[in-house]
């Protein structure tokens, strides 16, 4: 989930009510195929199942039913600072970019551009 969640971050997971999950929210769930705890973003919905994907990867987890979802990532703590992942309409834009696999390209471009700019100084 880089750059929003990084290795070593401390996450606060909050419970959710049925029907309270929406596009762009970051959730914790048990991956149905491998049983591992996973943190990914909701990029689509079909009835009580959610299409999930990490921001910085190309693969989609597929449709995951509500029974596998543990809760919503409400806070991220990094370097003694805490911030929320409740991004509202920005989260929806990020979910759209992630769904069409443009988000990894945007991140790569940003990282490459920063290196180029800092070399010029």
C-alpha atoms as a PDB file:
ATOM      1  CA  UNK A   1       0.000   0.000   0.000  1.00  0.00           C
ATOM      2  CA  UNK A   2       3.004   2.254  -0.470  1.00  0.00           C
ATOM      3  CA  UNK A   3       3.184   5.240  -0.294  1.00  0.00           C
ATOM      4  CA  UNK A   4       0.218   5.515   2.091  1.00  0.00           C
ATOM      5  CA  UNK A   5       1.250   2.601   4.306  1.00  0.00           C
ATOM      6  CA  UNK A   6       4.889   1.593   4.689  1.00  0.00           C
ATOM      7  CA  UNK A   7       6.777  -1.182   6.475  1.00  0.00           C
ATOM      8  CA  UNK A   8       6.964  -0.417  10.186  1.00  0.00           C
ATOM      9  CA  UNK A   9       3.788   1.684  10.287  1.00  0.00           C
ATOM     10  CA  UNK A  10       1.339   1.029  13.126  1.00  0.00           C
ATOM     11  CA  UNK A  11      -2.257   0.688  11.935  1.00  0.00           C
ATOM     12  CA  UNK A  12      -5.493   1.236  13.831  1.00  0.00           C
ATOM     13  CA  UNK A  13      -8.248  -1.023  12.516  1.00  0.00           C
ATOM     14  CA  UNK A  14     -11.830   0.035  13.313  1.00  0.00           C
ATOM     15  CA  UNK A  15     -14.898  -2.195  13.011  1.00  0.00           C
ATOM     16  CA  UNK A  16     -17.434  -1.439  10.302  1.00  0.00           C
ATOM     17  CA  UNK A  17     -21.206  -1.680  10.035  1.00  0.00           C
ATOM     18  CA  UNK A  18     -22.808  -3.660   7.228  1.00  0.00           C
ATOM     19  CA  UNK A  19     -23.056  -1.415   4.214  1.00  0.00           C
ATOM     20  CA  UNK A  20     -20.640   1.192   5.585  1.00  0.00           C
ATOM     21  CA  UNK A  21     -17.736   0.200   3.327  1.00  0.00           C
ATOM     22  CA  UNK A  22     -17.208   2.402   0.315  1.00  0.00           C
ATOM     23  CA  UNK A  23     -15.058   2.910  -2.731  1.00  0.00           C
ATOM     24  CA  UNK A  24     -11.574   4.145  -1.852  1.00  0.00           C
ATOM     25  CA  UNK A  25     -11.521   2.919   1.753  1.00  0.00           C
ATOM     26  CA  UNK A  26      -8.513   0.950   2.958  1.00  0.00           C
ATOM     27  CA  UNK A  27      -9.467  -2.249   4.764  1.00  0.00           C
ATOM     28  CA  UNK A  28      -7.881  -5.141   6.622  1.00  0.00           C
ATOM     29  CA  UNK A  29      -9.031  -8.590   5.540  1.00  0.00           C
ATOM     30  CA  UNK A  30      -8.051 -12.232   5.591  1.00  0.00           C
ATOM     31  CA  UNK A  31      -7.098 -13.132   2.026  1.00  0.00           C
ATOM     32  CA  UNK A  32      -9.454 -15.953   0.979  1.00  0.00           C
ATOM     33  CA  UNK A  33      -6.844 -17.864  -1.052  1.00  0.00           C
ATOM     34  CA  UNK A  34      -3.829 -17.794   1.275  1.00  0.00           C
ATOM     35  CA  UNK A  35      -5.339 -16.935   4.689  1.00  0.00           C
ATOM     36  CA  UNK A  36      -2.920 -14.042   5.269  1.00  0.00           C
ATOM     37  CA  UNK A  37      -3.805 -10.707   6.845  1.00  0.00           C
ATOM     38  CA  UNK A  38      -3.835  -8.171   4.010  1.00  0.00           C
ATOM     39  CA  UNK A  39      -4.376  -4.407   3.788  1.00  0.00           C
ATOM     40  CA  UNK A  40      -5.787  -3.192   0.461  1.00  0.00           C
ATOM     41  CA  UNK A  41      -8.121  -0.571  -0.991  1.00  0.00           C
ATOM     42  CA  UNK A  42     -11.708  -1.101  -2.157  1.00  0.00           C
ATOM     43  CA  UNK A  43     -11.786  -0.401  -5.906  1.00  0.00           C
ATOM     44  CA  UNK A  44     -15.222  -1.846  -6.710  1.00  0.00           C
ATOM     45  CA  UNK A  45     -18.315  -3.465  -5.252  1.00  0.00           C
ATOM     46  CA  UNK A  46     -20.837  -6.098  -6.248  1.00  0.00           C
ATOM     47  CA  UNK A  47     -23.630  -6.688  -3.700  1.00  0.00           C
ATOM     48  CA  UNK A  48     -21.882  -7.863  -0.481  1.00  0.00           C
ATOM     49  CA  UNK A  49     -18.544  -8.525  -2.156  1.00  0.00           C
ATOM     50  CA  UNK A  50     -15.722  -6.052  -2.680  1.00  0.00           C
ATOM     51  CA  UNK A  51     -13.067  -5.801  -5.369  1.00  0.00           C
ATOM     52  CA  UNK A  52      -9.772  -5.186  -3.555  1.00  0.00           C
ATOM     53  CA  UNK A  53      -6.317  -4.146  -4.719  1.00  0.00           C
ATOM     54  CA  UNK A  54      -3.087  -2.780  -3.289  1.00  0.00           C
ATOM     55  CA  UNK A  55      -2.150   0.696  -4.530  1.00  0.00           C
ATOM     56  CA  UNK A  56       1.324  -0.143  -5.747  1.00  0.00           C
ATOM     57  CA  UNK A  57       0.741  -3.540  -7.421  1.00  0.00           C
ATOM     58  CA  UNK A  58      -0.819  -4.680 -10.684  1.00  0.00           C
ATOM     59  CA  UNK A  59      -2.737  -7.730  -9.426  1.00  0.00           C
ATOM     60  CA  UNK A  60      -6.307  -7.555  -8.152  1.00  0.00           C
ATOM     61  CA  UNK A  61      -7.414  -9.730  -5.227  1.00  0.00           C
ATOM     62  CA  UNK A  62     -10.749 -10.425  -6.871  1.00  0.00           C
ATOM     63  CA  UNK A  63     -14.134 -10.147  -5.215  1.00  0.00           C
ATOM     64  CA  UNK A  64     -13.924 -10.736  -1.460  1.00  0.00           C
ATOM     65  CA  UNK A  65     -17.042 -11.313   0.615  1.00  0.00           C
ATOM     66  CA  UNK A  66     -17.764  -9.347   3.763  1.00  0.00           C
ATOM     67  CA  UNK A  67     -17.061 -12.337   6.009  1.00  0.00           C
ATOM     68  CA  UNK A  68     -13.311 -12.009   5.292  1.00  0.00           C
ATOM     69  CA  UNK A  69     -13.169  -8.283   6.132  1.00  0.00           C
ATOM     70  CA  UNK A  70     -11.872  -7.479   9.616  1.00  0.00           C
ATOM     71  CA  UNK A  71     -12.252  -3.699   9.605  1.00  0.00           C
ATOM     72  CA  UNK A  72     -11.314  -0.341   8.155  1.00  0.00           C
ATOM     73  CA  UNK A  73      -7.847   1.173   8.507  1.00  0.00           C
ATOM     74  CA  UNK A  74      -8.713   4.369  10.366  1.00  0.00           C
ATOM     75  CA  UNK A  75      -5.264   5.640  11.405  1.00  0.00           C
ATOM     76  CA  UNK A  76      -1.663   5.127  10.423  1.00  0.00           C
ATOM     77  CA  UNK A  77       1.140   5.980  12.841  1.00  0.00           C
ATOM     78  CA  UNK A  78       4.633   6.664  11.482  1.00  0.00           C
ATOM     79  CA  UNK A  79       7.568   8.347  13.254  1.00  0.00           C
ATOM     80  CA  UNK A  80       5.397   9.392  16.223  1.00  0.00           C
ATOM     81  CA  UNK A  81       2.879  11.080  13.896  1.00  0.00           C
ATOM     82  CA  UNK A  82      -0.632   9.837  13.231  1.00  0.00           C
ATOM     83  CA  UNK A  83      -2.758  10.447  10.158  1.00  0.00           C
ATOM     84  CA  UNK A  84      -6.037   9.163   8.803  1.00  0.00           C
ATOM     85  CA  UNK A  85      -6.667   7.273   5.579  1.00  0.00           C
ATOM     86  CA  UNK A  86     -10.221   8.613   5.384  1.00  0.00           C
ATOM     87  CA  UNK A  87      -9.531  10.475   2.133  1.00  0.00           C
ATOM     88  CA  UNK A  88     -13.108  11.050   0.926  1.00  0.00           C
ATOM     89  CA  UNK A  89     -13.301  11.875  -2.790  1.00  0.00           C
ATOM     90  CA  UNK A  90      -9.484  11.723  -3.066  1.00  0.00           C
ATOM     91  CA  UNK A  91      -9.684   8.060  -1.987  1.00  0.00           C
ATOM     92  CA  UNK A  92     -12.195   7.448  -4.793  1.00  0.00           C
ATOM     93  CA  UNK A  93      -9.790   8.988  -7.321  1.00  0.00           C
ATOM     94  CA  UNK A  94      -6.951   6.840  -5.939  1.00  0.00           C
ATOM     95  CA  UNK A  95      -9.192   3.749  -6.177  1.00  0.00           C
ATOM     96  CA  UNK A  96      -9.991   4.576  -9.820  1.00  0.00           C
ATOM     97  CA  UNK A  97      -6.302   5.089 -10.660  1.00  0.00           C
ATOM     98  CA  UNK A  98      -5.447   1.846  -8.891  1.00  0.00           C
ATOM     99  CA  UNK A  99      -8.198  -0.059 -10.720  1.00  0.00           C
ATOM    100  CA  UNK A 100      -6.919   0.945 -14.161  1.00  0.00           C
ATOM    101  CA  UNK A 101      -3.324   0.236 -13.049  1.00  0.00           C
ATOM    102  CA  UNK A 102      -2.120   3.791 -13.555  1.00  0.00           C
ATOM    103  CA  UNK A 103      -1.254   4.387  -9.882  1.00  0.00           C
ATOM    104  CA  UNK A 104       2.003   2.334  -9.956  1.00  0.00           C
ATOM    105  CA  UNK A 105       3.069   4.334 -13.024  1.00  0.00           C
ATOM    106  CA  UNK A 106       2.266   7.633 -11.266  1.00  0.00           C
ATOM    107  CA  UNK A 107       4.355   6.559  -8.250  1.00  0.00           C
ATOM    108  CA  UNK A 108       7.245   5.446 -10.475  1.00  0.00           C
ATOM    109  CA  UNK A 109       7.111   8.757 -12.397  1.00  0.00           C
ATOM    110  CA  UNK A 110       7.067  10.755  -9.164  1.00  0.00           C
ATOM    111  CA  UNK A 111      10.069   8.886  -7.737  1.00  0.00           C
ATOM    112  CA  UNK A 112      12.018   9.151 -10.998  1.00  0.00           C
ATOM    113  CA  UNK A 113      11.151  12.854 -11.358  1.00  0.00           C
ATOM    114  CA  UNK A 114      12.276  13.636  -7.791  1.00  0.00           C
ATOM    115  CA  UNK A 115      15.653  11.989  -8.426  1.00  0.00           C
ATOM    116  CA  UNK A 116      16.088  13.950 -11.650  1.00  0.00           C
ATOM    117  CA  UNK A 117      15.130  17.269 -10.017  1.00  0.00           C
ATOM    118  CA  UNK A 118      17.438  16.768  -7.026  1.00  0.00           C
ATOM    119  CA  UNK A 119      20.385  15.931  -9.309  1.00  0.00           C
ATOM    120  CA  UNK A 120      19.946  19.238 -11.120  1.00  0.00           C
ATOM    121  CA  UNK A 121      20.521  21.308  -7.961  1.00  0.00           C
END
